[in-house]
Amino acid sequence: MLEVKDGQCGLCAHFGETHAPTAQLTKIRQQHEAPETLLDDCGHPRHASLHLKVTPIAKCDGFEPAKAA
């Protein structure tokens, strides 16, 4: 498991934004831990046309904190 810190994609409102919330996404946001192999969509408007897949520990300057689950 990877530790997910503030400012990283796993805790960003845009991580997994392109689909309905999953139990795994909720767990990442509550426990700040994610599997090493997890990739999910980045729904940030600046990156939408790129259809990015990112890890929960990736970062960018478009971070917006996810609402508490």
C-alpha atoms as a PDB file:
ATOM      1  CA  MET A   1       0.000   0.000   0.000  1.00  0.00           C
ATOM      2  CA  LEU A   2       1.067   3.568  -0.720  1.00  0.00           C
ATOM      3  CA  GLU A   3       0.563   6.479   1.656  1.00  0.00           C
ATOM      4  CA  VAL A   4      -1.500   9.202  -0.040  1.00  0.00           C
ATOM      5  CA  LYS A   5      -0.736  12.725   1.182  1.00  0.00           C
ATOM      6  CA  ASP A   6      -2.493  16.072   0.827  1.00  0.00           C
ATOM      7  CA  GLY A   7      -1.876  17.510  -2.634  1.00  0.00           C
ATOM      8  CA  GLN A   8      -1.733  14.106  -4.323  1.00  0.00           C
ATOM      9  CA  CYS A   9      -4.251  12.824  -6.837  1.00  0.00           C
ATOM     10  CA  GLY A  10      -5.875  10.240  -4.571  1.00  0.00           C
ATOM     11  CA  LEU A  11      -7.188  13.050  -2.378  1.00  0.00           C
ATOM     12  CA  CYS A  12      -8.140  15.334  -5.289  1.00  0.00           C
ATOM     13  CA  ALA A  13     -11.745  15.974  -6.296  1.00  0.00           C
ATOM     14  CA  HIS A  14     -10.801  15.190  -9.916  1.00  0.00           C
ATOM     15  CA  PHE A  15      -9.373  11.711  -9.205  1.00  0.00           C
ATOM     16  CA  GLY A  16     -11.943   9.212 -10.504  1.00  0.00           C
ATOM     17  CA  GLU A  17     -14.303  12.085 -11.289  1.00  0.00           C
ATOM     18  CA  THR A  18     -15.332  10.615 -14.642  1.00  0.00           C
ATOM     19  CA  HIS A  19     -17.289   7.768 -13.021  1.00  0.00           C
ATOM     20  CA  ALA A  20     -19.478   7.114 -10.001  1.00  0.00           C
ATOM     21  CA  PRO A  21     -17.603   6.959  -6.677  1.00  0.00           C
ATOM     22  CA  THR A  22     -16.400   3.479  -5.756  1.00  0.00           C
ATOM     23  CA  ALA A  23     -15.808   1.885  -2.373  1.00  0.00           C
ATOM     24  CA  GLN A  24     -12.086   1.852  -3.174  1.00  0.00           C
ATOM     25  CA  LEU A  25     -12.031   5.604  -3.863  1.00  0.00           C
ATOM     26  CA  THR A  26     -13.903   6.326  -0.631  1.00  0.00           C
ATOM     27  CA  LYS A  27     -11.471   4.132   1.296  1.00  0.00           C
ATOM     28  CA  ILE A  28      -8.454   5.976  -0.186  1.00  0.00           C
ATOM     29  CA  ARG A  29      -9.889   9.327   0.891  1.00  0.00           C
ATOM     30  CA  GLN A  30     -10.702   8.103   4.386  1.00  0.00           C
ATOM     31  CA  GLN A  31      -7.575   6.070   5.122  1.00  0.00           C
ATOM     32  CA  HIS A  32      -5.020   7.866   2.921  1.00  0.00           C
ATOM     33  CA  GLU A  33      -3.746   4.538   1.577  1.00  0.00           C
ATOM     34  CA  ALA A  34      -3.956   3.102  -1.938  1.00  0.00           C
ATOM     35  CA  PRO A  35      -2.802  -0.031  -3.750  1.00  0.00           C
ATOM     36  CA  GLU A  36       0.473   0.360  -5.627  1.00  0.00           C
ATOM     37  CA  THR A  37      -1.053  -0.768  -8.936  1.00  0.00           C
ATOM     38  CA  LEU A  38      -4.125   1.496  -8.955  1.00  0.00           C
ATOM     39  CA  LEU A  39      -4.706   3.846 -11.899  1.00  0.00           C
ATOM     40  CA  ASP A  40      -7.790   6.018 -12.325  1.00  0.00           C
ATOM     41  CA  ASP A  41      -9.045   8.838 -14.499  1.00  0.00           C
ATOM     42  CA  CYS A  42      -8.101  12.472 -13.989  1.00  0.00           C
ATOM     43  CA  GLY A  43     -11.187  14.581 -14.625  1.00  0.00           C
ATOM     44  CA  HIS A  44      -9.502  17.973 -14.228  1.00  0.00           C
ATOM     45  CA  PRO A  45     -10.883  20.319 -16.921  1.00  0.00           C
ATOM     46  CA  ARG A  46      -7.390  21.344 -18.083  1.00  0.00           C
ATOM     47  CA  HIS A  47      -6.459  17.695 -18.634  1.00  0.00           C
ATOM     48  CA  ALA A  48      -9.795  16.244 -19.811  1.00  0.00           C
ATOM     49  CA  SER A  49      -8.841  16.144 -23.485  1.00  0.00           C
ATOM     50  CA  LEU A  50      -5.784  14.046 -22.603  1.00  0.00           C
ATOM     51  CA  HIS A  51      -7.826  11.272 -20.928  1.00  0.00           C
ATOM     52  CA  LEU A  52      -5.100  10.843 -18.311  1.00  0.00           C
ATOM     53  CA  LYS A  53      -4.797   7.806 -16.090  1.00  0.00           C
ATOM     54  CA  VAL A  54      -2.952   8.687 -12.888  1.00  0.00           C
ATOM     55  CA  THR A  55      -1.814   6.994  -9.710  1.00  0.00           C
ATOM     56  CA  PRO A  56      -3.141   8.106  -6.321  1.00  0.00           C
ATOM     57  CA  ILE A  57       0.302   9.531  -5.444  1.00  0.00           C
ATOM     58  CA  ALA A  58       0.696  11.595  -8.632  1.00  0.00           C
ATOM     59  CA  LYS A  59       0.490  15.394  -8.313  1.00  0.00           C
ATOM     60  CA  CYS A  60      -0.274  18.489 -10.381  1.00  0.00           C
ATOM     61  CA  ASP A  61      -0.884  22.175  -9.774  1.00  0.00           C
ATOM     62  CA  GLY A  62      -4.636  21.699 -10.340  1.00  0.00           C
ATOM     63  CA  PHE A  63      -5.204  19.865  -7.041  1.00  0.00           C
ATOM     64  CA  GLU A  64      -8.603  20.512  -5.461  1.00  0.00           C
ATOM     65  CA  PRO A  65      -9.343  18.694  -2.194  1.00  0.00           C
ATOM     66  CA  ALA A  66     -12.068  16.070  -2.416  1.00  0.00           C
ATOM     67  CA  LYS A  67     -15.060  16.529  -0.145  1.00  0.00           C
ATOM     68  CA  ALA A  68     -14.981  14.400   2.984  1.00  0.00           C
ATOM     69  CA  ALA A  69     -16.607  11.048   2.408  1.00  0.00           C
END
